[in-house]
Amino acid sequence: MARKRKVEDQWMPQRVYRGRSAFEFRPVGGGAVRLCDLDAKQSDVWSAYEKFMAISNNKHTVKYLVDNFFESADFRDLSQHTRKDYQKYSKKVLAAFGKMDPNAVNPVHVRKFMDILGQKSPVQANRHKAFLSRVFRWAYERGKVKRNPCQGVKQFKETARDRYIEDYEYDAVYQHACPVVKAAMEISYLCMARKADVVKLHQSQLLKEGIFIQQGKTGKKQIKEWGPRLRKAISTANEINPDVFSMFVLHQKNGHPFAVPSFDQRWRKAIIKARELTQLPLDFTFHDIKAKGISDFVGTVGEKQAASGHKTESQVRVYDRKVAVVPTVESKK
């Protein structure tokens, strides 16, 4: 049941709420659409809402197509991580194409859209194009559009990240981090786990055999075996607000898990402090810790794949960043 509106907000249209800086329409599929500034008159809010709904209810727009995709079984079957990304990408896609007739969108329009985004981030341009292509492919298979305008549009070349964290760099940040970041670093490294899977780790996932992790991105289920260092990481986590009962391994004073932005702020503080005290550049991200774990794992590519939970060996090679030591002519004699 929907929560009852405050008395002062009962004049607002259905699904319209006050955001941080604007009145927002929040679709059933998630996300938020900016209508107008918070200081706008009630009549202006209603006018913006009616204008938006007129566009939204038009079945011959990309906006209508995207809304239908977000309500489809195909979208619901995607991982939570991918669904959140698609909702994020939809904002810029709809700003550019939302009012257009889907059949009027041509490859040249997609190319221009990508070129504009690509000036700041070629990778993000590729991701937005992939989302738009997914929507059009879904619509084409169901007879809603005549073609997919993204086909034949070349993506920007992406260079795989190859940053490997040296042990001394890892230790420098670890020594100057708070218990929350220390525990998260160790769990991510030892379990080769993504940040999102570590931050939301539930107490019920701590099993006798190890830590149960279902990857948010791939859905792969694994139990990461216990070891002395991993048990110490959980002990470090238990030092966080010890008087507070929480269902989460990493938790705030109210027992709730850390939101990713809140955790990222703690991570940045640890990095900045370590840089100041060690004078090292420490130019790596938290996500690079997972790559360090895979790189340091002793075994074949196949064994690394089994331990990390990746679907293919090619994905493992992207994360396996440690420079190999190979024999020379001299050392082989």
C-alpha atoms as a PDB file:
ATOM      1  CA  MET A   1       0.000   0.000   0.000  1.00  0.00           C
ATOM      2  CA  ALA A   2       1.321   3.442  -0.966  1.00  0.00           C
ATOM      3  CA  ARG A   3       2.289   5.759   1.856  1.00  0.00           C
ATOM      4  CA  LYS A   4      -0.232   8.540   2.509  1.00  0.00           C
ATOM      5  CA  ARG A   5       0.882  11.962   1.361  1.00  0.00           C
ATOM      6  CA  LYS A   6       1.548  14.807   3.756  1.00  0.00           C
ATOM      7  CA  VAL A   7      -1.280  17.327   4.011  1.00  0.00           C
ATOM      8  CA  GLU A   8       0.781  20.042   2.293  1.00  0.00           C
ATOM      9  CA  ASP A   9       1.507  17.721  -0.643  1.00  0.00           C
ATOM     10  CA  GLN A  10      -1.998  16.446  -1.341  1.00  0.00           C
ATOM     11  CA  TRP A  11      -2.444  18.959  -4.170  1.00  0.00           C
ATOM     12  CA  MET A  12       0.277  17.254  -6.238  1.00  0.00           C
ATOM     13  CA  PRO A  13      -0.479  14.961  -9.221  1.00  0.00           C
ATOM     14  CA  GLN A  14      -0.213  11.193  -8.844  1.00  0.00           C
ATOM     15  CA  ARG A  15       3.368   9.883  -8.633  1.00  0.00           C
ATOM     16  CA  VAL A  16       4.775  13.421  -8.352  1.00  0.00           C
ATOM     17  CA  TYR A  17       7.055  14.107  -5.369  1.00  0.00           C
ATOM     18  CA  ARG A  18       9.437  16.706  -4.039  1.00  0.00           C
ATOM     19  CA  GLY A  19      13.019  15.792  -4.931  1.00  0.00           C
ATOM     20  CA  ARG A  20      16.178  17.439  -3.660  1.00  0.00           C
ATOM     21  CA  SER A  21      16.010  20.327  -6.109  1.00  0.00           C
ATOM     22  CA  ALA A  22      12.882  19.813  -8.191  1.00  0.00           C
ATOM     23  CA  PHE A  23       9.419  18.329  -8.399  1.00  0.00           C
ATOM     24  CA  GLU A  24       9.817  14.857  -9.887  1.00  0.00           C
ATOM     25  CA  PHE A  25       7.583  12.300 -11.570  1.00  0.00           C
ATOM     26  CA  ARG A  26       8.577   8.788 -10.486  1.00  0.00           C
ATOM     27  CA  PRO A  27       7.511   6.060 -12.950  1.00  0.00           C
ATOM     28  CA  VAL A  28       6.535   2.569 -11.836  1.00  0.00           C
ATOM     29  CA  GLY A  29       9.692   1.157 -13.429  1.00  0.00           C
ATOM     30  CA  GLY A  30      11.923   3.290 -11.224  1.00  0.00           C
ATOM     31  CA  GLY A  31      13.945   6.441 -11.683  1.00  0.00           C
ATOM     32  CA  ALA A  32      12.752  10.039 -11.605  1.00  0.00           C
ATOM     33  CA  VAL A  33      11.847  12.618 -14.259  1.00  0.00           C
ATOM     34  CA  ARG A  34      12.431  16.279 -13.458  1.00  0.00           C
ATOM     35  CA  LEU A  35       9.318  18.415 -13.984  1.00  0.00           C
ATOM     36  CA  CYS A  36      10.196  21.874 -12.622  1.00  0.00           C
ATOM     37  CA  ASP A  37      12.006  23.726  -9.818  1.00  0.00           C
ATOM     38  CA  LEU A  38      10.881  23.370  -6.208  1.00  0.00           C
ATOM     39  CA  ASP A  39       9.930  27.055  -6.084  1.00  0.00           C
ATOM     40  CA  ALA A  40       7.488  26.656  -8.995  1.00  0.00           C
ATOM     41  CA  LYS A  41       3.813  27.489  -8.498  1.00  0.00           C
ATOM     42  CA  GLN A  42       1.289  24.689  -8.110  1.00  0.00           C
ATOM     43  CA  SER A  43      -0.208  25.580 -11.488  1.00  0.00           C
ATOM     44  CA  ASP A  44       3.247  25.289 -13.104  1.00  0.00           C
ATOM     45  CA  VAL A  45       3.762  21.855 -11.529  1.00  0.00           C
ATOM     46  CA  TRP A  46       0.442  20.643 -12.915  1.00  0.00           C
ATOM     47  CA  SER A  47       1.239  22.148 -16.312  1.00  0.00           C
ATOM     48  CA  ALA A  48       4.619  20.374 -16.424  1.00  0.00           C
ATOM     49  CA  TYR A  49       2.980  17.118 -15.306  1.00  0.00           C
ATOM     50  CA  GLU A  50       0.259  17.291 -17.974  1.00  0.00           C
ATOM     51  CA  LYS A  51       2.813  18.088 -20.657  1.00  0.00           C
ATOM     52  CA  PHE A  52       4.936  15.123 -19.574  1.00  0.00           C
ATOM     53  CA  MET A  53       1.954  12.751 -19.471  1.00  0.00           C
ATOM     54  CA  ALA A  54       0.834  13.857 -22.932  1.00  0.00           C
ATOM     55  CA  ILE A  55       4.233  12.821 -24.276  1.00  0.00           C
ATOM     56  CA  SER A  56       4.382   9.685 -22.134  1.00  0.00           C
ATOM     57  CA  ASN A  57       0.942   8.493 -23.269  1.00  0.00           C
ATOM     58  CA  ASN A  58       1.835   8.936 -26.916  1.00  0.00           C
ATOM     59  CA  LYS A  59       2.450   5.407 -28.154  1.00  0.00           C
ATOM     60  CA  HIS A  60       4.548   6.674 -31.048  1.00  0.00           C
ATOM     61  CA  THR A  61       7.498   7.910 -29.012  1.00  0.00           C
ATOM     62  CA  VAL A  62      10.768   6.412 -27.821  1.00  0.00           C
ATOM     63  CA  LYS A  63       9.649   7.366 -24.303  1.00  0.00           C
ATOM     64  CA  TYR A  64       6.645   5.047 -24.583  1.00  0.00           C
ATOM     65  CA  LEU A  65       8.905   2.304 -25.933  1.00  0.00           C
ATOM     66  CA  VAL A  66      11.356   2.616 -23.028  1.00  0.00           C
ATOM     67  CA  ASP A  67       8.520   2.639 -20.467  1.00  0.00           C
ATOM     68  CA  ASN A  68       7.153  -0.579 -21.962  1.00  0.00           C
ATOM     69  CA  PHE A  69      10.576  -2.185 -21.904  1.00  0.00           C
ATOM     70  CA  PHE A  70      10.988  -1.311 -18.207  1.00  0.00           C
ATOM     71  CA  GLU A  71       7.682  -3.071 -17.484  1.00  0.00           C
ATOM     72  CA  SER A  72       8.581  -6.174 -19.537  1.00  0.00           C
ATOM     73  CA  ALA A  73       9.610  -9.637 -18.378  1.00  0.00           C
ATOM     74  CA  ASP A  74      12.887  -9.195 -20.292  1.00  0.00           C
ATOM     75  CA  PHE A  75      13.805  -6.234 -18.092  1.00  0.00           C
ATOM     76  CA  ARG A  76      12.753  -8.015 -14.876  1.00  0.00           C
ATOM     77  CA  ASP A  77      14.953 -10.990 -15.803  1.00  0.00           C
ATOM     78  CA  LEU A  78      18.076  -8.812 -15.865  1.00  0.00           C
ATOM     79  CA  SER A  79      20.342  -8.587 -12.826  1.00  0.00           C
ATOM     80  CA  GLN A  80      19.628  -5.829 -10.329  1.00  0.00           C
ATOM     81  CA  HIS A  81      22.932  -4.198 -11.260  1.00  0.00           C
ATOM     82  CA  THR A  82      22.010  -4.062 -14.960  1.00  0.00           C
ATOM     83  CA  ARG A  83      18.480  -2.787 -14.226  1.00  0.00           C
ATOM     84  CA  LYS A  84      19.897   0.111 -12.198  1.00  0.00           C
ATOM     85  CA  ASP A  85      22.382   0.927 -14.950  1.00  0.00           C
ATOM     86  CA  TYR A  86      19.658   0.903 -17.619  1.00  0.00           C
ATOM     87  CA  GLN A  87      17.451   3.228 -15.556  1.00  0.00           C
ATOM     88  CA  LYS A  88      20.415   5.574 -15.211  1.00  0.00           C
ATOM     89  CA  TYR A  89      21.231   5.460 -18.938  1.00  0.00           C
ATOM     90  CA  SER A  90      17.589   6.089 -19.854  1.00  0.00           C
ATOM     91  CA  LYS A  91      17.768   9.688 -18.572  1.00  0.00           C
ATOM     92  CA  LYS A  92      20.164  10.908 -21.269  1.00  0.00           C
ATOM     93  CA  VAL A  93      18.661   8.654 -23.920  1.00  0.00           C
ATOM     94  CA  LEU A  94      15.180  10.049 -23.297  1.00  0.00           C
ATOM     95  CA  ALA A  95      16.476  13.615 -23.158  1.00  0.00           C
ATOM     96  CA  ALA A  96      17.757  13.088 -26.699  1.00  0.00           C
ATOM     97  CA  PHE A  97      15.185  10.722 -28.242  1.00  0.00           C
ATOM     98  CA  GLY A  98      12.215  10.611 -25.859  1.00  0.00           C
ATOM     99  CA  LYS A  99       9.777  12.663 -27.978  1.00  0.00           C
ATOM    100  CA  MET A 100      10.794  11.113 -31.316  1.00  0.00           C
ATOM    101  CA  ASP A 101       8.831   8.553 -33.280  1.00  0.00           C
ATOM    102  CA  PRO A 102      10.888   5.331 -32.883  1.00  0.00           C
ATOM    103  CA  ASN A 103      10.787   4.694 -36.625  1.00  0.00           C
ATOM    104  CA  ALA A 104      12.172   8.184 -37.259  1.00  0.00           C
ATOM    105  CA  VAL A 105      15.354   7.430 -35.305  1.00  0.00           C
ATOM    106  CA  ASN A 106      18.156   6.729 -37.771  1.00  0.00           C
ATOM    107  CA  PRO A 107      21.772   5.559 -37.351  1.00  0.00           C
ATOM    108  CA  VAL A 108      22.935   9.130 -38.004  1.00  0.00           C
ATOM    109  CA  HIS A 109      21.000  10.288 -34.911  1.00  0.00           C
ATOM    110  CA  VAL A 110      22.580   7.558 -32.785  1.00  0.00           C
ATOM    111  CA  ARG A 111      26.029   8.484 -34.136  1.00  0.00           C
ATOM    112  CA  LYS A 112      25.539  12.150 -33.265  1.00  0.00           C
ATOM    113  CA  PHE A 113      24.300  11.231 -29.765  1.00  0.00           C
ATOM    114  CA  MET A 114      27.354   9.045 -29.196  1.00  0.00           C
ATOM    115  CA  ASP A 115      29.761  11.682 -30.497  1.00  0.00           C
ATOM    116  CA  ILE A 116      28.387  14.245 -28.036  1.00  0.00           C
ATOM    117  CA  LEU A 117      28.664  11.869 -25.063  1.00  0.00           C
ATOM    118  CA  GLY A 118      32.000  10.568 -26.318  1.00  0.00           C
ATOM    119  CA  GLN A 119      33.622  13.977 -25.930  1.00  0.00           C
ATOM    120  CA  LYS A 120      33.559  13.435 -22.162  1.00  0.00           C
ATOM    121  CA  SER A 121      33.476   9.659 -21.861  1.00  0.00           C
ATOM    122  CA  PRO A 122      33.681   7.218 -24.793  1.00  0.00           C
ATOM    123  CA  VAL A 123      32.929   4.336 -22.424  1.00  0.00           C
ATOM    124  CA  GLN A 124      29.692   5.946 -21.223  1.00  0.00           C
ATOM    125  CA  ALA A 125      28.729   6.681 -24.828  1.00  0.00           C
ATOM    126  CA  ASN A 126      29.106   2.963 -25.594  1.00  0.00           C
ATOM    127  CA  ARG A 127      26.999   1.999 -22.573  1.00  0.00           C
ATOM    128  CA  HIS A 128      24.172   4.381 -23.495  1.00  0.00           C
ATOM    129  CA  LYS A 129      24.170   3.086 -27.053  1.00  0.00           C
ATOM    130  CA  ALA A 130      24.055  -0.512 -25.777  1.00  0.00           C
ATOM    131  CA  PHE A 131      20.980   0.336 -23.676  1.00  0.00           C
ATOM    132  CA  LEU A 132      19.216   2.033 -26.590  1.00  0.00           C
ATOM    133  CA  SER A 133      20.044  -0.929 -28.832  1.00  0.00           C
ATOM    134  CA  ARG A 134      18.649  -3.344 -26.233  1.00  0.00           C
ATOM    135  CA  VAL A 135      15.338  -1.444 -26.150  1.00  0.00           C
ATOM    136  CA  PHE A 136      15.057  -1.354 -29.945  1.00  0.00           C
ATOM    137  CA  ARG A 137      15.999  -5.029 -30.271  1.00  0.00           C
ATOM    138  CA  TRP A 138      13.282  -5.916 -27.752  1.00  0.00           C
ATOM    139  CA  ALA A 139      10.780  -3.754 -29.638  1.00  0.00           C
ATOM    140  CA  TYR A 140      11.764  -5.096 -33.085  1.00  0.00           C
ATOM    141  CA  GLU A 141      11.266  -8.703 -31.993  1.00  0.00           C
ATOM    142  CA  ARG A 142       7.709  -7.783 -30.967  1.00  0.00           C
ATOM    143  CA  GLY A 143       6.790  -5.856 -34.101  1.00  0.00           C
ATOM    144  CA  LYS A 144       6.779  -2.470 -32.383  1.00  0.00           C
ATOM    145  CA  VAL A 145       9.437  -0.907 -34.662  1.00  0.00           C
ATOM    146  CA  LYS A 146      10.653  -1.516 -38.196  1.00  0.00           C
ATOM    147  CA  ARG A 147      14.372  -1.690 -37.397  1.00  0.00           C
ATOM    148  CA  ASN A 148      17.075  -1.181 -34.806  1.00  0.00           C
ATOM    149  CA  PRO A 149      18.821   2.120 -35.673  1.00  0.00           C
ATOM    150  CA  CYS A 150      21.818   1.204 -33.499  1.00  0.00           C
ATOM    151  CA  GLN A 151      22.882  -1.585 -35.832  1.00  0.00           C
ATOM    152  CA  GLY A 152      25.922  -0.617 -37.866  1.00  0.00           C
ATOM    153  CA  VAL A 153      26.835   2.290 -35.573  1.00  0.00           C
ATOM    154  CA  LYS A 154      30.431   1.785 -34.530  1.00  0.00           C
ATOM    155  CA  GLN A 155      31.303   1.974 -30.842  1.00  0.00           C
ATOM    156  CA  PHE A 156      34.282   3.821 -29.454  1.00  0.00           C
ATOM    157  CA  LYS A 157      37.372   1.729 -28.881  1.00  0.00           C
ATOM    158  CA  GLU A 158      37.794   0.829 -25.217  1.00  0.00           C
ATOM    159  CA  THR A 159      41.104   0.120 -23.576  1.00  0.00           C
ATOM    160  CA  ALA A 160      40.880  -2.503 -20.847  1.00  0.00           C
ATOM    161  CA  ARG A 161      42.011  -1.240 -17.462  1.00  0.00           C
ATOM    162  CA  ASP A 162      45.331  -2.838 -16.485  1.00  0.00           C
ATOM    163  CA  ARG A 163      46.112  -1.199 -13.132  1.00  0.00           C
ATOM    164  CA  TYR A 164      47.606  -3.737 -10.725  1.00  0.00           C
ATOM    165  CA  ILE A 165      47.813  -2.763  -7.033  1.00  0.00           C
ATOM    166  CA  GLU A 166      51.200  -3.597  -5.572  1.00  0.00           C
ATOM    167  CA  ASP A 167      51.280  -5.049  -2.040  1.00  0.00           C
ATOM    168  CA  TYR A 168      52.895  -1.929  -0.586  1.00  0.00           C
ATOM    169  CA  GLU A 169      50.187   0.269  -2.157  1.00  0.00           C
ATOM    170  CA  TYR A 170      47.422  -1.927  -0.772  1.00  0.00           C
ATOM    171  CA  ASP A 171      49.015  -1.885   2.688  1.00  0.00           C
ATOM    172  CA  ALA A 172      49.441   1.906   2.592  1.00  0.00           C
ATOM    173  CA  VAL A 173      45.702   2.456   2.159  1.00  0.00           C
ATOM    174  CA  TYR A 174      44.738  -0.362   4.527  1.00  0.00           C
ATOM    175  CA  GLN A 175      46.839   1.055   7.366  1.00  0.00           C
ATOM    176  CA  HIS A 176      45.147   4.458   7.121  1.00  0.00           C
ATOM    177  CA  ALA A 177      41.566   3.269   6.583  1.00  0.00           C
ATOM    178  CA  CYS A 178      38.687   3.052   9.048  1.00  0.00           C
ATOM    179  CA  PRO A 179      37.438  -0.427  10.141  1.00  0.00           C
ATOM    180  CA  VAL A 180      34.626  -0.314   7.565  1.00  0.00           C
ATOM    181  CA  VAL A 181      37.037   0.170   4.660  1.00  0.00           C
ATOM    182  CA  LYS A 182      39.606  -2.250   6.113  1.00  0.00           C
ATOM    183  CA  ALA A 183      37.050  -5.047   6.347  1.00  0.00           C
ATOM    184  CA  ALA A 184      35.650  -4.305   2.893  1.00  0.00           C
ATOM    185  CA  MET A 185      39.116  -4.254   1.309  1.00  0.00           C
ATOM    186  CA  GLU A 186      40.036  -7.640   2.742  1.00  0.00           C
ATOM    187  CA  ILE A 187      36.718  -9.289   1.865  1.00  0.00           C
ATOM    188  CA  SER A 188      36.871  -7.916  -1.679  1.00  0.00           C
ATOM    189  CA  TYR A 189      40.489  -9.011  -2.150  1.00  0.00           C
ATOM    190  CA  LEU A 190      40.266 -12.478  -0.595  1.00  0.00           C
ATOM    191  CA  CYS A 191      36.872 -13.332  -2.090  1.00  0.00           C
ATOM    192  CA  MET A 192      37.526 -11.569  -5.422  1.00  0.00           C
ATOM    193  CA  ALA A 193      34.190  -9.837  -4.925  1.00  0.00           C
ATOM    194  CA  ARG A 194      32.669  -6.641  -6.279  1.00  0.00           C
ATOM    195  CA  LYS A 195      32.108  -3.642  -4.031  1.00  0.00           C
ATOM    196  CA  ALA A 196      28.313  -3.881  -4.280  1.00  0.00           C
ATOM    197  CA  ASP A 197      28.387  -7.517  -3.117  1.00  0.00           C
ATOM    198  CA  VAL A 198      30.671  -6.654  -0.183  1.00  0.00           C
ATOM    199  CA  VAL A 199      28.858  -3.539   1.048  1.00  0.00           C
ATOM    200  CA  LYS A 200      25.505  -5.370   1.261  1.00  0.00           C
ATOM    201  CA  LEU A 201      26.925  -8.554   2.811  1.00  0.00           C
ATOM    202  CA  HIS A 202      24.363 -10.131   5.150  1.00  0.00           C
ATOM    203  CA  GLN A 203      25.142 -11.909   8.416  1.00  0.00           C
ATOM    204  CA  SER A 204      23.213 -14.924   7.122  1.00  0.00           C
ATOM    205  CA  GLN A 205      25.832 -15.280   4.368  1.00  0.00           C
ATOM    206  CA  LEU A 206      28.488 -16.190   6.944  1.00  0.00           C
ATOM    207  CA  LEU A 207      28.295 -19.984   6.810  1.00  0.00           C
ATOM    208  CA  LYS A 208      30.281 -22.760   8.433  1.00  0.00           C
ATOM    209  CA  GLU A 209      32.137 -23.496   5.192  1.00  0.00           C
ATOM    210  CA  GLY A 210      32.787 -19.870   4.280  1.00  0.00           C
ATOM    211  CA  ILE A 211      31.060 -16.743   2.978  1.00  0.00           C
ATOM    212  CA  PHE A 212      28.169 -17.253   0.568  1.00  0.00           C
ATOM    213  CA  ILE A 213      28.219 -14.678  -2.234  1.00  0.00           C
ATOM    214  CA  GLN A 214      25.827 -14.433  -5.139  1.00  0.00           C
ATOM    215  CA  GLN A 215      27.303 -11.974  -7.577  1.00  0.00           C
ATOM    216  CA  GLY A 216      24.925  -9.143  -8.311  1.00  0.00           C
ATOM    217  CA  LYS A 217      26.170  -8.805 -11.887  1.00  0.00           C
ATOM    218  CA  THR A 218      26.321 -12.438 -13.047  1.00  0.00           C
ATOM    219  CA  GLY A 219      24.100 -14.166 -10.466  1.00  0.00           C
ATOM    220  CA  LYS A 220      26.848 -16.746  -9.854  1.00  0.00           C
ATOM    221  CA  LYS A 221      26.522 -18.435  -6.443  1.00  0.00           C
ATOM    222  CA  GLN A 222      29.669 -19.411  -4.542  1.00  0.00           C
ATOM    223  CA  ILE A 223      30.896 -20.125  -1.028  1.00  0.00           C
ATOM    224  CA  LYS A 224      34.284 -18.536  -0.432  1.00  0.00           C
ATOM    225  CA  GLU A 225      36.234 -20.792   1.933  1.00  0.00           C
ATOM    226  CA  TRP A 226      37.389 -19.498   5.296  1.00  0.00           C
ATOM    227  CA  GLY A 227      41.009 -18.743   6.013  1.00  0.00           C
ATOM    228  CA  PRO A 228      42.719 -16.953   8.919  1.00  0.00           C
ATOM    229  CA  ARG A 229      42.911 -13.669   7.056  1.00  0.00           C
ATOM    230  CA  LEU A 230      39.251 -13.775   5.976  1.00  0.00           C
ATOM    231  CA  ARG A 231      38.126 -14.546   9.534  1.00  0.00           C
ATOM    232  CA  LYS A 232      40.195 -11.579  10.739  1.00  0.00           C
ATOM    233  CA  ALA A 233      38.385  -9.363   8.211  1.00  0.00           C
ATOM    234  CA  ILE A 234      35.039 -10.380   9.699  1.00  0.00           C
ATOM    235  CA  SER A 235      36.433  -9.698  13.197  1.00  0.00           C
ATOM    236  CA  THR A 236      37.390  -6.223  11.998  1.00  0.00           C
ATOM    237  CA  ALA A 237      33.835  -5.753  10.720  1.00  0.00           C
ATOM    238  CA  ASN A 238      32.504  -6.755  14.150  1.00  0.00           C
ATOM    239  CA  GLU A 239      34.384  -3.789  15.614  1.00  0.00           C
ATOM    240  CA  ILE A 240      32.044  -1.459  13.727  1.00  0.00           C
ATOM    241  CA  ASN A 241      29.377  -0.153  16.117  1.00  0.00           C
ATOM    242  CA  PRO A 242      29.702  -3.261  18.360  1.00  0.00           C
ATOM    243  CA  ASP A 243      26.719  -2.273  20.519  1.00  0.00           C
ATOM    244  CA  VAL A 244      24.379  -2.139  17.526  1.00  0.00           C
ATOM    245  CA  PHE A 245      22.558  -5.278  16.381  1.00  0.00           C
ATOM    246  CA  SER A 246      22.441  -5.486  12.607  1.00  0.00           C
ATOM    247  CA  MET A 247      21.707  -8.083   9.964  1.00  0.00           C
ATOM    248  CA  PHE A 248      24.528  -6.637   7.876  1.00  0.00           C
ATOM    249  CA  VAL A 249      28.253  -7.302   8.254  1.00  0.00           C
ATOM    250  CA  LEU A 250      29.117  -3.671   7.444  1.00  0.00           C
ATOM    251  CA  HIS A 251      26.565  -1.427   9.102  1.00  0.00           C
ATOM    252  CA  GLN A 252      25.922   2.105  10.262  1.00  0.00           C
ATOM    253  CA  LYS A 253      24.968   3.238  13.757  1.00  0.00           C
ATOM    254  CA  ASN A 254      21.284   2.668  12.924  1.00  0.00           C
ATOM    255  CA  GLY A 255      22.016  -0.913  11.823  1.00  0.00           C
ATOM    256  CA  HIS A 256      21.365  -0.180   8.154  1.00  0.00           C
ATOM    257  CA  PRO A 257      23.892  -1.120   5.465  1.00  0.00           C
ATOM    258  CA  PHE A 258      26.065   1.548   3.910  1.00  0.00           C
ATOM    259  CA  ALA A 259      24.798   3.133   0.731  1.00  0.00           C
ATOM    260  CA  VAL A 260      27.440   2.959  -1.998  1.00  0.00           C
ATOM    261  CA  PRO A 261      27.980   6.781  -2.043  1.00  0.00           C
ATOM    262  CA  SER A 262      28.478   6.755   1.737  1.00  0.00           C
ATOM    263  CA  PHE A 263      30.997   3.931   1.498  1.00  0.00           C
ATOM    264  CA  ASP A 264      32.762   5.646  -1.404  1.00  0.00           C
ATOM    265  CA  GLN A 265      33.234   8.725   0.775  1.00  0.00           C
ATOM    266  CA  ARG A 266      34.999   6.634   3.413  1.00  0.00           C
ATOM    267  CA  TRP A 267      37.146   5.035   0.708  1.00  0.00           C
ATOM    268  CA  ARG A 268      38.175   8.444  -0.646  1.00  0.00           C
ATOM    269  CA  LYS A 269      39.134   9.622   2.851  1.00  0.00           C
ATOM    270  CA  ALA A 270      41.387   6.578   3.281  1.00  0.00           C
ATOM    271  CA  ILE A 271      43.041   7.162  -0.110  1.00  0.00           C
ATOM    272  CA  ILE A 272      43.597  10.883   0.524  1.00  0.00           C
ATOM    273  CA  LYS A 273      45.018  10.286   4.007  1.00  0.00           C
ATOM    274  CA  ALA A 274      47.351   7.565   2.735  1.00  0.00           C
ATOM    275  CA  ARG A 275      48.559   9.789  -0.117  1.00  0.00           C
ATOM    276  CA  GLU A 276      49.337  12.640   2.262  1.00  0.00           C
ATOM    277  CA  LEU A 277      51.260  10.472   4.715  1.00  0.00           C
ATOM    278  CA  THR A 278      53.116   8.248   2.233  1.00  0.00           C
ATOM    279  CA  GLN A 279      53.511  10.624  -0.743  1.00  0.00           C
ATOM    280  CA  LEU A 280      52.551   7.727  -3.006  1.00  0.00           C
ATOM    281  CA  PRO A 281      50.185   8.437  -5.953  1.00  0.00           C
ATOM    282  CA  LEU A 282      47.849   5.524  -5.039  1.00  0.00           C
ATOM    283  CA  ASP A 283      45.883   6.066  -8.243  1.00  0.00           C
ATOM    284  CA  PHE A 284      43.705   2.969  -8.067  1.00  0.00           C
ATOM    285  CA  THR A 285      40.009   2.367  -7.465  1.00  0.00           C
ATOM    286  CA  PHE A 286      38.242   0.046  -5.054  1.00  0.00           C
ATOM    287  CA  HIS A 287      37.195  -2.089  -8.027  1.00  0.00           C
ATOM    288  CA  ASP A 288      40.891  -2.686  -8.768  1.00  0.00           C
ATOM    289  CA  ILE A 289      41.071  -4.663  -5.495  1.00  0.00           C
ATOM    290  CA  LYS A 290      39.040  -7.478  -7.034  1.00  0.00           C
ATOM    291  CA  ALA A 291      41.485  -7.510  -9.958  1.00  0.00           C
ATOM    292  CA  LYS A 292      44.381  -7.752  -7.488  1.00  0.00           C
ATOM    293  CA  GLY A 293      42.720 -10.766  -5.871  1.00  0.00           C
ATOM    294  CA  ILE A 294      42.327 -12.532  -9.210  1.00  0.00           C
ATOM    295  CA  SER A 295      45.872 -11.583 -10.232  1.00  0.00           C
ATOM    296  CA  ASP A 296      47.353 -12.888  -6.968  1.00  0.00           C
ATOM    297  CA  PHE A 297      45.344 -16.130  -7.038  1.00  0.00           C
ATOM    298  CA  VAL A 298      47.799 -18.944  -7.773  1.00  0.00           C
ATOM    299  CA  GLY A 299      46.447 -21.221 -10.480  1.00  0.00           C
ATOM    300  CA  THR A 300      45.623 -21.595 -14.157  1.00  0.00           C
ATOM    301  CA  VAL A 301      43.228 -19.296 -15.998  1.00  0.00           C
ATOM    302  CA  GLY A 302      40.564 -21.982 -15.621  1.00  0.00           C
ATOM    303  CA  GLU A 303      41.146 -22.208 -11.877  1.00  0.00           C
ATOM    304  CA  LYS A 304      41.017 -18.421 -11.579  1.00  0.00           C
ATOM    305  CA  GLN A 305      37.741 -18.455 -13.498  1.00  0.00           C
ATOM    306  CA  ALA A 306      36.234 -21.046 -11.166  1.00  0.00           C
ATOM    307  CA  ALA A 307      37.351 -19.114  -8.073  1.00  0.00           C
ATOM    308  CA  SER A 308      36.264 -15.672  -9.297  1.00  0.00           C
ATOM    309  CA  GLY A 309      32.923 -16.750 -10.744  1.00  0.00           C
ATOM    310  CA  HIS A 310      33.402 -15.231 -14.197  1.00  0.00           C
ATOM    311  CA  LYS A 311      31.485 -16.762 -17.089  1.00  0.00           C
ATOM    312  CA  THR A 312      34.373 -16.851 -19.555  1.00  0.00           C
ATOM    313  CA  GLU A 313      38.168 -17.060 -19.483  1.00  0.00           C
ATOM    314  CA  SER A 314      38.359 -13.850 -21.532  1.00  0.00           C
ATOM    315  CA  GLN A 315      36.677 -11.989 -18.655  1.00  0.00           C
ATOM    316  CA  VAL A 316      39.223 -13.423 -16.239  1.00  0.00           C
ATOM    317  CA  ARG A 317      42.097 -12.208 -18.407  1.00  0.00           C
ATOM    318  CA  VAL A 318      40.765  -8.642 -18.146  1.00  0.00           C
ATOM    319  CA  TYR A 319      41.163  -8.863 -14.348  1.00  0.00           C
ATOM    320  CA  ASP A 320      44.416 -10.848 -14.354  1.00  0.00           C
ATOM    321  CA  ARG A 321      46.771  -7.859 -14.405  1.00  0.00           C
ATOM    322  CA  LYS A 322      49.957  -8.992 -12.698  1.00  0.00           C
ATOM    323  CA  VAL A 323      52.944  -8.765 -15.020  1.00  0.00           C
ATOM    324  CA  ALA A 324      54.157 -12.287 -15.702  1.00  0.00           C
ATOM    325  CA  VAL A 325      57.762 -13.248 -14.955  1.00  0.00           C
ATOM    326  CA  VAL A 326      59.042 -15.259 -17.913  1.00  0.00           C
ATOM    327  CA  PRO A 327      62.377 -17.024 -18.436  1.00  0.00           C
ATOM    328  CA  THR A 328      65.179 -15.456 -20.450  1.00  0.00           C
ATOM    329  CA  VAL A 329      67.569 -17.225 -22.776  1.00  0.00           C
ATOM    330  CA  GLU A 330      70.080 -17.219 -19.945  1.00  0.00           C
ATOM    331  CA  SER A 331      67.802 -18.542 -17.202  1.00  0.00           C
ATOM    332  CA  LYS A 332      66.612 -21.454 -19.347  1.00  0.00           C
ATOM    333  CA  LYS A 333      70.146 -22.783 -19.915  1.00  0.00           C
END
